[in-house]
Amino acid sequence: MIAYRQNGDRYIPAQHQPALVLDYACSRELDGDHLLHGTGLRHWNMPSANCVVTPAEYLQLVANVMRALDSPDSSFMLGQQMLPGHYGGLSHALLQAQNLRQALEILCAGHARLCPLLTPRLIEEGGLAVLYWTDSFGAPSQLPALVEMHMTAVTAMCRWLSGERLPWRYCINRSAPAHVEQHEVHLGSDLRFGCHLDAMLIEPAWLDRPWPRGNAMAASVALRSATAEAGELALTPSLLTAMYDYLLENIRLAPTLEGSAAAFGVSPATLKRHLARHGSHFQAELDQVRAHVAMHLFQMRGYDNEAVAHYLGFHDATNFRRSFKRWTGLVPSLLRDALLHS
């Protein structure tokens, strides 16, 4: 049975990411208990060591502070402070990472602690390494800010640990803002908006380039310590993350609501209710995974429409084109051409 967390489960230490948001709000001279509305925090001060909040409460804190600041740089400035962070053994392991590959693998494996609101995934194929992000707990209104925060966090961490600015390319699943100055300052100028995936791309040669602060043995010890410290329960993924991973693994087997519910150990009706609490439903999750797989096959394997349709189990390319346009708003040829010439 697949284990998962929901957005109402109380498990995020308030001294971790929520404290970072509170500290930043204080540095910008925000002070008011009204900003704590719906966050599970009672007083406008640093949380106690035994205080934990739910993902929904942490999201509410981010939303409250972002609304109060109303500044285009807030998400980027928060991201600058996010990683490696002070989240125990996993943060220490990131500090000791010997190269980009190890740092990203630690981030992906420990995402439930290191970045609980978004899930990073790393794929490498066809002369390209891609770190892409998906929503962990259902936060559509906050996604642009969360993506900016997390991309900035990885960019800043890698620049610090490697001692140089890495040549990332950024694909962002939103229309271009009126002003992109903050994106260019904190991320770089190689930006593409209007994508159907939030992703950071880099040439694979950078993955194994040694970092000056890296220490393989220290990183290994820190990872073992982090696992013992956090335990398996602390690293349990969110429902949306676990669902994405299950659908991705079974995408060629035409996954169904009934089969997925059985894998998660609940009834179809219960799974539907759980997804609804996260602002989603089974078909939306399945369509997202299918769209992501199609884009992967287009860009990293050079598949054409017919090959992708066959891979995803469509009877013919016409049905696939119709479905793909429903998923993304574009016909496959337009998106494929854009990806291959990016």
Protein backbone atom coordinates (compact mmCIF):
# COMPACT_ATOMS: atom_id res chain seq x y z
CA MET A 1 0.00 0.00 0.00
CA ILE A 2 1.35 3.42 -0.96
CA ALA A 3 1.97 5.77 1.98
CA TYR A 4 1.18 9.47 1.65
CA ARG A 5 0.48 12.67 3.54
CA GLN A 6 -2.43 15.06 3.09
CA ASN A 7 -2.53 18.84 3.32
CA GLY A 8 -4.18 18.69 6.73
CA ASP A 9 -1.53 16.46 8.34
CA ARG A 10 0.49 18.25 11.01
CA TYR A 11 4.17 17.45 10.39
CA ILE A 12 6.17 20.48 9.13
CA PRO A 13 8.40 21.80 11.95
CA ALA A 14 7.50 25.46 12.41
CA GLN A 15 11.17 26.19 13.09
CA HIS A 16 12.03 25.18 9.54
CA GLN A 17 10.51 26.90 6.48
CA PRO A 18 7.71 28.72 8.37
CA ALA A 19 10.32 30.35 10.64
CA LEU A 20 12.24 31.49 7.58
CA VAL A 21 9.11 33.17 6.20
CA LEU A 22 8.40 34.79 9.58
CA ASP A 23 11.98 36.02 9.90
CA TYR A 24 11.86 37.55 6.44
CA ALA A 25 8.55 39.24 7.20
CA CYS A 26 10.08 40.76 10.35
CA SER A 27 13.09 41.98 8.35
CA ARG A 28 10.69 43.84 6.08
CA GLU A 29 9.08 45.43 9.14
CA LEU A 30 5.85 43.45 8.96
CA ASP A 31 4.42 42.96 12.41
CA GLY A 32 0.89 41.90 13.04
CA ASP A 33 -0.93 38.87 14.34
CA HIS A 34 -3.41 39.20 11.47
CA LEU A 35 -0.68 37.74 9.24
CA LEU A 36 -0.92 34.52 11.25
CA HIS A 37 -4.59 34.00 10.43
CA GLY A 38 -5.12 30.39 9.39
CA THR A 39 -1.49 29.40 9.99
CA GLY A 40 -1.77 27.47 13.26
CA LEU A 41 0.71 29.89 14.85
CA ARG A 42 -0.61 31.88 17.80
CA HIS A 43 1.92 34.64 18.34
CA TRP A 44 4.06 36.84 16.11
CA ASN A 45 7.39 35.44 17.21
CA MET A 46 9.68 32.56 16.33
CA PRO A 47 7.92 29.20 16.78
CA SER A 48 8.86 26.86 19.61
CA ALA A 49 10.88 23.72 18.96
CA ASN A 50 7.91 21.38 19.35
CA CYS A 51 5.49 23.37 17.15
CA VAL A 52 4.43 21.74 13.90
CA VAL A 53 2.09 23.02 11.20
CA THR A 54 0.18 21.46 8.33
CA PRO A 55 1.07 22.08 4.68
CA ALA A 56 -2.20 24.02 4.36
CA GLU A 57 -1.16 26.27 7.25
CA TYR A 58 2.33 26.83 5.85
CA LEU A 59 0.77 27.71 2.49
CA GLN A 60 -1.53 30.16 4.23
CA LEU A 61 1.44 31.80 5.95
CA VAL A 62 3.22 32.23 2.62
CA ALA A 63 0.04 33.68 1.07
CA ASN A 64 -0.49 36.09 3.98
CA VAL A 65 3.07 37.39 3.92
CA MET A 66 3.21 37.67 0.12
CA ARG A 67 -0.04 39.62 0.12
CA ALA A 68 1.16 41.97 2.85
CA LEU A 69 4.52 42.61 1.19
CA ASP A 70 3.03 43.04 -2.28
CA SER A 71 6.54 43.22 -3.75
CA PRO A 72 7.89 41.55 -6.92
CA ASP A 73 11.10 40.48 -5.19
CA SER A 74 9.61 38.70 -2.15
CA SER A 75 9.55 35.15 -3.53
CA PHE A 76 13.09 35.49 -4.88
CA MET A 77 14.45 36.89 -1.61
CA LEU A 78 12.83 34.05 0.35
CA GLY A 79 14.36 31.57 -2.08
CA GLN A 80 17.83 33.00 -1.51
CA GLN A 81 17.62 31.84 2.12
CA MET A 82 15.84 28.53 1.62
CA LEU A 83 18.67 26.07 0.83
CA PRO A 84 20.68 24.35 2.18
CA GLY A 85 18.69 25.67 5.14
CA HIS A 86 18.77 24.56 8.77
CA TYR A 87 16.65 21.44 8.51
CA GLY A 88 18.91 18.93 10.26
CA GLY A 89 20.95 16.18 8.63
CA LEU A 90 19.59 16.71 5.13
CA SER A 91 20.79 20.32 5.11
CA HIS A 92 24.20 19.17 6.35
CA ALA A 93 24.32 16.57 3.56
CA LEU A 94 23.61 19.28 0.99
CA LEU A 95 26.49 21.34 2.40
CA GLN A 96 28.84 18.39 1.88
CA ALA A 97 27.58 17.43 -1.62
CA GLN A 98 30.54 16.65 -3.86
CA ASN A 99 28.83 17.76 -7.08
CA LEU A 100 25.59 18.96 -8.63
CA ARG A 101 24.29 15.45 -9.20
CA GLN A 102 24.61 14.51 -5.54
CA ALA A 103 23.05 17.78 -4.38
CA LEU A 104 20.03 17.31 -6.64
CA GLU A 105 19.65 13.67 -5.63
CA ILE A 106 19.65 14.69 -1.95
CA LEU A 107 17.11 17.42 -2.70
CA CYS A 108 14.80 15.02 -4.56
CA ALA A 109 15.09 12.25 -1.97
CA GLY A 110 14.56 14.61 0.97
CA HIS A 111 12.04 16.98 -0.62
CA ALA A 112 9.40 16.30 2.05
CA ARG A 113 11.75 18.01 4.55
CA LEU A 114 13.76 20.36 2.34
CA CYS A 115 10.95 21.82 0.21
CA PRO A 116 7.60 20.42 1.37
CA LEU A 117 5.32 22.49 -0.89
CA LEU A 118 6.81 21.51 -4.27
CA THR A 119 8.30 18.22 -5.43
CA PRO A 120 11.51 18.26 -7.51
CA ARG A 121 12.33 15.43 -9.94
CA LEU A 122 15.56 14.93 -11.87
CA ILE A 123 15.76 13.23 -15.26
CA GLU A 124 18.78 12.91 -17.55
CA GLU A 125 18.51 11.78 -21.15
CA GLY A 126 19.29 12.87 -24.68
CA GLY A 127 22.13 15.17 -23.70
CA LEU A 128 20.04 17.14 -21.21
CA ALA A 129 19.49 17.13 -17.44
CA VAL A 130 16.13 18.46 -16.25
CA LEU A 131 15.05 19.32 -12.73
CA TYR A 132 11.30 19.88 -12.80
CA TRP A 133 8.78 20.77 -10.13
CA THR A 134 5.21 19.68 -9.39
CA ASP A 135 2.69 20.88 -6.83
CA SER A 136 2.76 18.81 -3.63
CA PHE A 137 -0.38 19.91 -1.82
CA GLY A 138 -2.62 21.83 -4.21
CA ALA A 139 -1.66 25.50 -4.30
CA PRO A 140 -2.66 26.89 -7.70
CA SER A 141 -2.88 30.52 -6.60
CA GLN A 142 0.56 30.37 -4.96
CA LEU A 143 2.34 28.33 -7.62
CA PRO A 144 4.06 31.24 -9.44
CA ALA A 145 5.57 32.51 -6.19
CA LEU A 146 6.49 28.99 -5.02
CA VAL A 147 8.19 28.19 -8.33
CA GLU A 148 10.17 31.43 -8.20
CA MET A 149 11.14 30.69 -4.60
CA HIS A 150 12.29 27.13 -5.28
CA MET A 151 14.12 27.85 -8.52
CA THR A 152 15.96 30.70 -6.81
CA ALA A 153 16.79 28.43 -3.86
CA VAL A 154 18.42 25.81 -6.08
CA THR A 155 20.18 28.41 -8.22
CA ALA A 156 21.61 30.25 -5.21
CA MET A 157 22.64 27.05 -3.39
CA CYS A 158 24.42 25.64 -6.42
CA ARG A 159 26.21 28.92 -7.08
CA TRP A 160 27.46 29.03 -3.49
CA LEU A 161 28.52 25.38 -3.23
CA SER A 162 30.10 25.22 -6.69
CA GLY A 163 31.79 28.61 -6.48
CA GLU A 164 30.43 29.67 -9.87
CA ARG A 165 27.19 30.56 -11.59
CA LEU A 166 25.88 27.48 -13.37
CA PRO A 167 24.41 27.85 -16.88
CA TRP A 168 20.83 26.92 -16.04
CA ARG A 169 18.01 27.43 -18.52
CA TYR A 170 14.58 28.06 -17.06
CA CYS A 171 11.19 26.97 -18.39
CA ILE A 172 8.30 28.54 -16.50
CA ASN A 173 4.67 27.46 -16.71
CA ARG A 174 3.10 30.92 -16.73
CA SER A 175 2.84 33.86 -19.07
CA ALA A 176 5.67 36.37 -18.95
CA PRO A 177 5.17 39.08 -16.30
CA ALA A 178 5.14 42.72 -17.32
CA HIS A 179 8.61 43.10 -15.81
CA VAL A 180 11.16 40.28 -15.72
CA GLU A 181 13.93 42.15 -13.90
CA GLN A 182 13.67 40.06 -10.74
CA HIS A 183 13.78 36.81 -12.72
CA GLU A 184 16.90 38.00 -14.54
CA VAL A 185 18.63 39.20 -11.37
CA HIS A 186 18.02 36.04 -9.35
CA LEU A 187 17.85 33.37 -12.06
CA GLY A 188 19.51 34.70 -15.19
CA SER A 189 18.56 35.80 -18.67
CA ASP A 190 17.96 32.35 -20.20
CA LEU A 191 14.24 32.31 -19.45
CA ARG A 192 11.28 30.84 -21.33
CA PHE A 193 7.74 31.64 -20.23
CA GLY A 194 4.56 30.03 -21.48
CA CYS A 195 5.98 26.54 -21.01
CA HIS A 196 3.83 23.66 -19.80
CA LEU A 197 6.34 22.60 -17.18
CA ASP A 198 8.29 24.39 -14.44
CA ALA A 199 11.82 23.18 -15.04
CA MET A 200 15.52 23.99 -14.80
CA LEU A 201 17.68 22.59 -17.60
CA ILE A 202 21.44 22.12 -17.75
CA GLU A 203 23.98 20.15 -19.78
CA PRO A 204 24.80 16.81 -18.07
CA ALA A 205 28.54 17.60 -18.03
CA TRP A 206 27.87 19.94 -15.11
CA LEU A 207 26.34 17.17 -12.97
CA ASP A 208 29.62 15.48 -12.04
CA ARG A 209 31.95 18.46 -11.97
CA PRO A 210 33.62 18.43 -8.48
CA TRP A 211 32.61 21.12 -6.02
CA PRO A 212 35.28 22.73 -3.82
CA ARG A 213 33.36 22.18 -0.57
CA GLY A 214 32.39 18.60 -1.44
CA ASN A 215 33.23 15.72 0.87
CA ALA A 216 31.90 12.33 -0.20
CA MET A 217 32.39 10.64 3.18
CA ALA A 218 30.91 13.53 5.15
CA ALA A 219 27.90 13.65 2.80
CA SER A 220 27.35 9.91 3.22
CA VAL A 221 27.54 10.15 7.03
CA ALA A 222 25.18 13.13 7.00
CA LEU A 223 22.67 11.25 4.84
CA ARG A 224 22.68 8.25 7.18
CA SER A 225 22.26 10.58 10.13
CA ALA A 226 19.41 12.39 8.38
CA THR A 227 17.58 9.13 7.69
CA ALA A 228 17.93 8.02 11.29
CA GLU A 229 16.99 11.47 12.58
CA ALA A 230 13.92 11.96 10.40
CA GLY A 231 12.76 8.38 10.00
CA GLU A 232 10.76 7.04 7.09
CA LEU A 233 7.55 8.75 8.22
CA ALA A 234 9.11 12.22 8.00
CA LEU A 235 10.08 11.58 4.37
CA THR A 236 6.65 10.28 3.33
CA PRO A 237 5.50 12.12 0.16
CA SER A 238 2.31 14.08 -0.27
CA LEU A 239 -0.78 12.54 -1.84
CA LEU A 240 -0.27 14.48 -5.10
CA THR A 241 3.41 13.49 -5.22
CA ALA A 242 2.69 9.83 -4.51
CA MET A 243 -0.11 9.85 -7.09
CA TYR A 244 2.15 11.44 -9.72
CA ASP A 245 4.87 8.84 -9.09
CA TYR A 246 2.38 5.96 -9.24
CA LEU A 247 0.84 7.21 -12.49
CA LEU A 248 4.27 7.85 -14.01
CA GLU A 249 5.40 4.33 -13.22
CA ASN A 250 2.21 2.82 -14.68
CA ILE A 251 1.51 5.28 -17.49
CA ARG A 252 1.81 2.63 -20.22
CA LEU A 253 -0.69 0.39 -18.43
CA ALA A 254 -3.66 2.78 -18.77
CA PRO A 255 -4.08 3.50 -15.04
CA THR A 256 -7.65 3.84 -13.74
CA LEU A 257 -9.23 5.45 -10.70
CA GLU A 258 -10.19 2.04 -9.36
CA GLY A 259 -6.72 0.56 -9.79
CA SER A 260 -5.06 3.62 -8.31
CA ALA A 261 -7.38 3.59 -5.29
CA ALA A 262 -6.50 -0.06 -4.66
CA ALA A 263 -2.77 0.78 -4.79
CA PHE A 264 -3.34 3.50 -2.18
CA GLY A 265 -5.43 1.21 0.00
CA VAL A 266 -8.64 3.24 -0.18
CA SER A 267 -11.93 3.08 -2.04
CA PRO A 268 -12.37 5.06 -5.29
CA ALA A 269 -14.83 7.37 -3.50
CA THR A 270 -12.31 8.05 -0.73
CA LEU A 271 -9.52 8.75 -3.21
CA LYS A 272 -11.78 11.19 -5.05
CA ARG A 273 -12.51 13.00 -1.77
CA HIS A 274 -8.82 13.16 -0.87
CA LEU A 275 -7.92 14.60 -4.28
CA ALA A 276 -10.77 17.10 -4.07
CA ARG A 277 -9.31 18.42 -0.78
CA HIS A 278 -6.15 19.16 -2.76
CA GLY A 279 -8.07 20.98 -5.47
CA SER A 280 -7.70 18.18 -7.99
CA HIS A 281 -9.28 15.02 -9.39
CA PHE A 282 -8.01 11.78 -10.89
CA GLN A 283 -8.35 12.77 -14.56
CA ALA A 284 -6.45 16.01 -13.98
CA GLU A 285 -3.58 14.12 -12.34
CA LEU A 286 -3.51 11.53 -15.13
CA ASP A 287 -3.58 14.22 -17.83
CA GLN A 288 -0.71 16.09 -16.18
CA VAL A 289 1.50 12.99 -16.14
CA ARG A 290 0.60 12.14 -19.73
CA ALA A 291 1.44 15.69 -20.85
CA HIS A 292 4.77 15.61 -19.01
CA VAL A 293 5.68 12.22 -20.48
CA ALA A 294 4.76 13.43 -23.96
CA MET A 295 6.97 16.51 -23.58
CA HIS A 296 9.81 14.32 -22.31
CA LEU A 297 9.51 12.03 -25.33
CA PHE A 298 9.36 14.96 -27.74
CA GLN A 299 12.33 16.83 -26.35
CA MET A 300 14.66 14.16 -24.99
CA ARG A 301 14.01 11.26 -27.36
CA GLY A 302 12.90 13.13 -30.47
CA TYR A 303 9.69 11.10 -30.84
CA ASP A 304 7.06 12.15 -33.36
CA ASN A 305 3.29 12.21 -32.74
CA GLU A 306 2.77 8.60 -33.78
CA ALA A 307 5.55 7.29 -31.53
CA VAL A 308 4.28 9.24 -28.49
CA ALA A 309 0.70 8.13 -29.18
CA HIS A 310 1.83 4.50 -29.27
CA TYR A 311 3.91 4.90 -26.10
CA LEU A 312 0.94 6.34 -24.18
CA GLY A 313 -1.45 3.68 -25.44
CA PHE A 314 -3.56 5.75 -27.84
CA HIS A 315 -5.12 3.91 -30.74
CA ASP A 316 -3.95 6.48 -33.26
CA ALA A 317 -2.21 9.84 -33.55
CA THR A 318 -5.48 11.68 -34.15
CA ASN A 319 -6.86 10.73 -30.73
CA PHE A 320 -3.54 11.65 -29.16
CA ARG A 321 -3.49 15.08 -30.84
CA ARG A 322 -7.02 15.78 -29.65
CA SER A 323 -6.16 14.78 -26.07
CA PHE A 324 -2.87 16.66 -26.08
CA LYS A 325 -4.60 19.87 -27.09
CA ARG A 326 -7.04 19.37 -24.21
CA TRP A 327 -4.13 18.91 -21.79
CA THR A 328 -2.00 21.85 -22.93
CA GLY A 329 -4.08 24.05 -25.25
CA LEU A 330 -1.63 23.35 -28.09
CA VAL A 331 -1.43 20.79 -30.84
CA PRO A 332 1.60 18.50 -30.39
CA SER A 333 3.48 19.76 -33.44
CA LEU A 334 3.62 23.34 -32.14
CA LEU A 335 4.89 22.34 -28.72
CA ARG A 336 7.30 19.77 -30.14
CA ASP A 337 8.83 22.31 -32.49
CA ALA A 338 9.14 24.83 -29.67
CA LEU A 339 10.88 22.28 -27.43
CA LEU A 340 13.28 21.03 -30.07
CA HIS A 341 14.33 24.58 -31.03
CA SER A 342 14.58 25.96 -27.48
